[in-house]
Amino acid sequence: MALFKKRTVGKPGEWYYCLEHKKVEEGPECPAKNRFGPYTSREEASHAMETARDRNLEWETDPRWHDAAGKDKTPDE
């Protein structure tokens, strides 16, 4: 068993958005499972949730991923 936790060290100028604490961090302060990033600026990291929302909407409405032929198929086909 390790005595010390292995921490990911960020590079100077890397910004993250912590999903647990809902705040911007310079360098990874929280575990990777709880953050978005890295971003190149504090401003970009502060808009992480809007960026994710926009990308999700883009994906959900992308016809290449939701074709009509794929919806009619059963798992056994």
N, C-alpha and C. Protein backbone atom coordinates (compact mmCIF):
# COMPACT_ATOMS: atom_id res chain seq x y z
N MET A 1 0.85 -1.18 0.00
CA MET A 1 0.00 0.00 0.00
C MET A 1 0.89 1.24 0.00
N ALA A 2 0.58 2.17 -0.83
CA ALA A 2 1.37 3.40 -0.94
C ALA A 2 1.11 4.30 0.27
N LEU A 3 2.16 4.94 0.73
CA LEU A 3 2.03 5.86 1.85
C LEU A 3 1.54 7.23 1.44
N PHE A 4 1.84 7.59 0.19
CA PHE A 4 1.48 8.92 -0.29
C PHE A 4 0.61 8.77 -1.54
N LYS A 5 -0.36 9.65 -1.66
CA LYS A 5 -1.19 9.67 -2.86
C LYS A 5 -0.40 10.29 -3.99
N LYS A 6 -0.48 9.69 -5.15
CA LYS A 6 0.17 10.25 -6.33
C LYS A 6 -0.72 11.36 -6.88
N ARG A 7 -0.22 12.58 -6.91
CA ARG A 7 -1.00 13.73 -7.39
C ARG A 7 -0.55 14.08 -8.80
N THR A 8 -1.51 14.43 -9.62
CA THR A 8 -1.20 14.91 -10.95
C THR A 8 -0.73 16.35 -10.82
N VAL A 9 0.42 16.64 -11.36
CA VAL A 9 0.97 17.99 -11.29
C VAL A 9 0.63 18.71 -12.58
N GLY A 10 0.02 19.85 -12.46
CA GLY A 10 -0.34 20.64 -13.63
C GLY A 10 0.80 21.54 -14.05
N LYS A 11 0.75 21.94 -15.27
CA LYS A 11 1.72 22.89 -15.79
C LYS A 11 1.24 24.30 -15.47
N PRO A 12 2.16 25.22 -15.28
CA PRO A 12 1.73 26.61 -15.03
C PRO A 12 0.87 27.11 -16.18
N GLY A 13 -0.21 27.77 -15.83
CA GLY A 13 -1.10 28.30 -16.85
C GLY A 13 -2.20 27.36 -17.29
N GLU A 14 -2.26 26.14 -16.72
CA GLU A 14 -3.36 25.23 -17.03
C GLU A 14 -4.49 25.50 -16.06
N TRP A 15 -5.68 25.61 -16.58
CA TRP A 15 -6.86 25.90 -15.76
C TRP A 15 -7.86 24.77 -15.88
N TYR A 16 -8.56 24.50 -14.80
CA TYR A 16 -9.54 23.43 -14.74
C TYR A 16 -10.82 23.96 -14.10
N TYR A 17 -11.92 23.26 -14.39
CA TYR A 17 -13.18 23.57 -13.73
C TYR A 17 -13.55 22.36 -12.89
N CYS A 18 -13.67 22.54 -11.58
CA CYS A 18 -14.01 21.47 -10.65
C CYS A 18 -15.52 21.31 -10.62
N LEU A 19 -16.00 20.11 -10.96
CA LEU A 19 -17.43 19.83 -10.98
C LEU A 19 -17.99 19.66 -9.57
N GLU A 20 -17.17 19.22 -8.65
CA GLU A 20 -17.63 19.01 -7.27
C GLU A 20 -17.78 20.34 -6.53
N HIS A 21 -16.77 21.21 -6.65
CA HIS A 21 -16.79 22.48 -5.93
C HIS A 21 -17.35 23.64 -6.75
N LYS A 22 -17.58 23.37 -8.04
CA LYS A 22 -18.12 24.39 -8.97
C LYS A 22 -17.28 25.66 -8.95
N LYS A 23 -15.95 25.45 -9.16
CA LYS A 23 -15.05 26.59 -9.18
C LYS A 23 -13.90 26.32 -10.14
N VAL A 24 -13.26 27.40 -10.56
CA VAL A 24 -12.10 27.32 -11.44
C VAL A 24 -10.85 27.15 -10.59
N GLU A 25 -9.94 26.27 -11.05
CA GLU A 25 -8.69 26.01 -10.34
C GLU A 25 -7.51 26.17 -11.29
N GLU A 26 -6.43 26.70 -10.78
CA GLU A 26 -5.20 26.70 -11.58
C GLU A 26 -4.43 25.47 -11.18
N GLY A 27 -4.17 24.61 -12.15
CA GLY A 27 -3.56 23.33 -11.85
C GLY A 27 -4.61 22.39 -11.29
N PRO A 28 -4.41 21.09 -11.44
CA PRO A 28 -5.43 20.16 -10.95
C PRO A 28 -5.37 20.03 -9.43
N GLU A 29 -6.34 20.60 -8.75
CA GLU A 29 -6.43 20.48 -7.30
C GLU A 29 -7.28 19.28 -6.92
N CYS A 30 -8.29 18.98 -7.71
CA CYS A 30 -9.21 17.88 -7.44
C CYS A 30 -8.92 16.70 -8.37
N PRO A 31 -9.42 15.50 -8.03
CA PRO A 31 -9.20 14.33 -8.88
C PRO A 31 -9.76 14.54 -10.29
N ALA A 32 -9.17 13.86 -11.25
CA ALA A 32 -9.56 14.00 -12.66
C ALA A 32 -11.04 13.69 -12.88
N LYS A 33 -11.60 12.76 -12.11
CA LYS A 33 -13.01 12.40 -12.30
C LYS A 33 -13.96 13.55 -11.96
N ASN A 34 -13.44 14.56 -11.25
CA ASN A 34 -14.28 15.68 -10.81
C ASN A 34 -14.00 16.98 -11.55
N ARG A 35 -13.28 16.94 -12.67
CA ARG A 35 -12.93 18.20 -13.31
C ARG A 35 -12.93 18.12 -14.82
N PHE A 36 -13.14 19.28 -15.44
CA PHE A 36 -12.99 19.48 -16.88
C PHE A 36 -11.69 20.23 -17.09
N GLY A 37 -11.00 19.95 -18.16
CA GLY A 37 -9.80 20.70 -18.49
C GLY A 37 -8.71 19.78 -18.97
N PRO A 38 -7.57 20.33 -19.27
CA PRO A 38 -7.13 21.69 -18.99
C PRO A 38 -7.60 22.69 -20.04
N TYR A 39 -7.75 23.92 -19.61
CA TYR A 39 -8.07 25.05 -20.47
C TYR A 39 -6.88 25.99 -20.48
N THR A 40 -6.79 26.81 -21.50
CA THR A 40 -5.64 27.70 -21.64
C THR A 40 -5.77 28.99 -20.84
N SER A 41 -6.99 29.30 -20.38
CA SER A 41 -7.16 30.53 -19.61
C SER A 41 -8.23 30.34 -18.53
N ARG A 42 -8.17 31.21 -17.53
CA ARG A 42 -9.17 31.19 -16.46
C ARG A 42 -10.56 31.45 -17.04
N GLU A 43 -10.65 32.38 -17.98
CA GLU A 43 -11.92 32.73 -18.62
C GLU A 43 -12.53 31.52 -19.33
N GLU A 44 -11.72 30.80 -20.08
CA GLU A 44 -12.20 29.62 -20.80
C GLU A 44 -12.69 28.55 -19.81
N ALA A 45 -11.96 28.34 -18.72
CA ALA A 45 -12.36 27.36 -17.71
C ALA A 45 -13.66 27.79 -17.02
N SER A 46 -13.86 29.07 -16.85
CA SER A 46 -15.07 29.55 -16.18
C SER A 46 -16.33 29.29 -17.01
N HIS A 47 -16.16 29.05 -18.30
CA HIS A 47 -17.29 28.76 -19.19
C HIS A 47 -17.38 27.27 -19.52
N ALA A 48 -16.75 26.42 -18.71
CA ALA A 48 -16.70 24.99 -18.99
C ALA A 48 -18.09 24.36 -19.09
N MET A 49 -18.99 24.72 -18.21
CA MET A 49 -20.33 24.12 -18.23
C MET A 49 -21.11 24.54 -19.47
N GLU A 50 -20.97 25.80 -19.88
CA GLU A 50 -21.64 26.25 -21.10
C GLU A 50 -21.07 25.54 -22.33
N THR A 51 -19.75 25.37 -22.35
CA THR A 51 -19.09 24.68 -23.45
C THR A 51 -19.59 23.24 -23.53
N ALA A 52 -19.66 22.56 -22.39
CA ALA A 52 -20.14 21.18 -22.35
C ALA A 52 -21.60 21.10 -22.82
N ARG A 53 -22.42 22.03 -22.37
CA ARG A 53 -23.83 22.05 -22.77
C ARG A 53 -23.96 22.24 -24.29
N ASP A 54 -23.18 23.18 -24.84
CA ASP A 54 -23.22 23.43 -26.29
C ASP A 54 -22.76 22.20 -27.07
N ARG A 55 -21.69 21.56 -26.60
CA ARG A 55 -21.18 20.37 -27.30
C ARG A 55 -22.17 19.22 -27.21
N ASN A 56 -22.82 19.05 -26.07
CA ASN A 56 -23.83 17.99 -25.93
C ASN A 56 -24.99 18.23 -26.88
N LEU A 57 -25.45 19.47 -26.96
CA LEU A 57 -26.55 19.80 -27.86
C LEU A 57 -26.16 19.55 -29.31
N GLU A 58 -24.93 19.92 -29.65
CA GLU A 58 -24.42 19.69 -31.00
C GLU A 58 -24.43 18.20 -31.33
N TRP A 59 -23.98 17.39 -30.40
CA TRP A 59 -23.93 15.95 -30.61
C TRP A 59 -25.34 15.37 -30.72
N GLU A 60 -26.23 15.80 -29.84
CA GLU A 60 -27.60 15.27 -29.83
C GLU A 60 -28.36 15.58 -31.11
N THR A 61 -28.00 16.65 -31.78
CA THR A 61 -28.71 17.04 -33.00
C THR A 61 -27.91 16.72 -34.27
N ASP A 62 -26.79 16.03 -34.14
CA ASP A 62 -25.95 15.69 -35.29
C ASP A 62 -26.56 14.52 -36.05
N PRO A 63 -26.97 14.72 -37.30
CA PRO A 63 -27.61 13.64 -38.06
C PRO A 63 -26.69 12.46 -38.33
N ARG A 64 -25.39 12.66 -38.28
CA ARG A 64 -24.47 11.54 -38.51
C ARG A 64 -24.53 10.52 -37.39
N TRP A 65 -24.96 10.92 -36.20
CA TRP A 65 -25.01 10.00 -35.06
C TRP A 65 -26.42 9.46 -34.81
N HIS A 66 -27.41 10.10 -35.40
CA HIS A 66 -28.79 9.70 -35.16
C HIS A 66 -29.50 9.49 -36.49
N ASP A 67 -29.08 8.47 -37.22
CA ASP A 67 -29.72 8.21 -38.50
C ASP A 67 -30.98 7.37 -38.31
N ALA A 68 -31.93 7.52 -39.20
CA ALA A 68 -33.21 6.83 -39.10
C ALA A 68 -33.03 5.32 -39.24
N ALA A 69 -32.11 4.86 -40.06
CA ALA A 69 -31.91 3.43 -40.27
C ALA A 69 -31.46 2.74 -38.99
N GLY A 70 -30.63 3.38 -38.19
CA GLY A 70 -30.12 2.78 -36.97
C GLY A 70 -31.18 2.62 -35.90
N LYS A 71 -32.22 3.44 -35.90
CA LYS A 71 -33.26 3.39 -34.88
C LYS A 71 -34.18 2.19 -35.06
N ASP A 72 -34.35 1.71 -36.31
CA ASP A 72 -35.26 0.61 -36.59
C ASP A 72 -34.64 -0.76 -36.36
N LYS A 73 -33.35 -0.83 -36.15
CA LYS A 73 -32.68 -2.11 -35.99
C LYS A 73 -32.84 -2.62 -34.57
N THR A 74 -32.96 -3.95 -34.46
CA THR A 74 -33.01 -4.56 -33.14
C THR A 74 -31.61 -5.00 -32.76
N PRO A 75 -31.32 -5.20 -31.49
CA PRO A 75 -29.97 -5.59 -31.06
C PRO A 75 -29.46 -6.88 -31.70
N ASP A 76 -30.37 -7.80 -32.10
CA ASP A 76 -29.94 -9.07 -32.69
C ASP A 76 -29.54 -8.96 -34.14
N GLU A 77 -29.88 -7.86 -34.80
CA GLU A 77 -29.57 -7.71 -36.23
C GLU A 77 -28.13 -7.33 -36.44
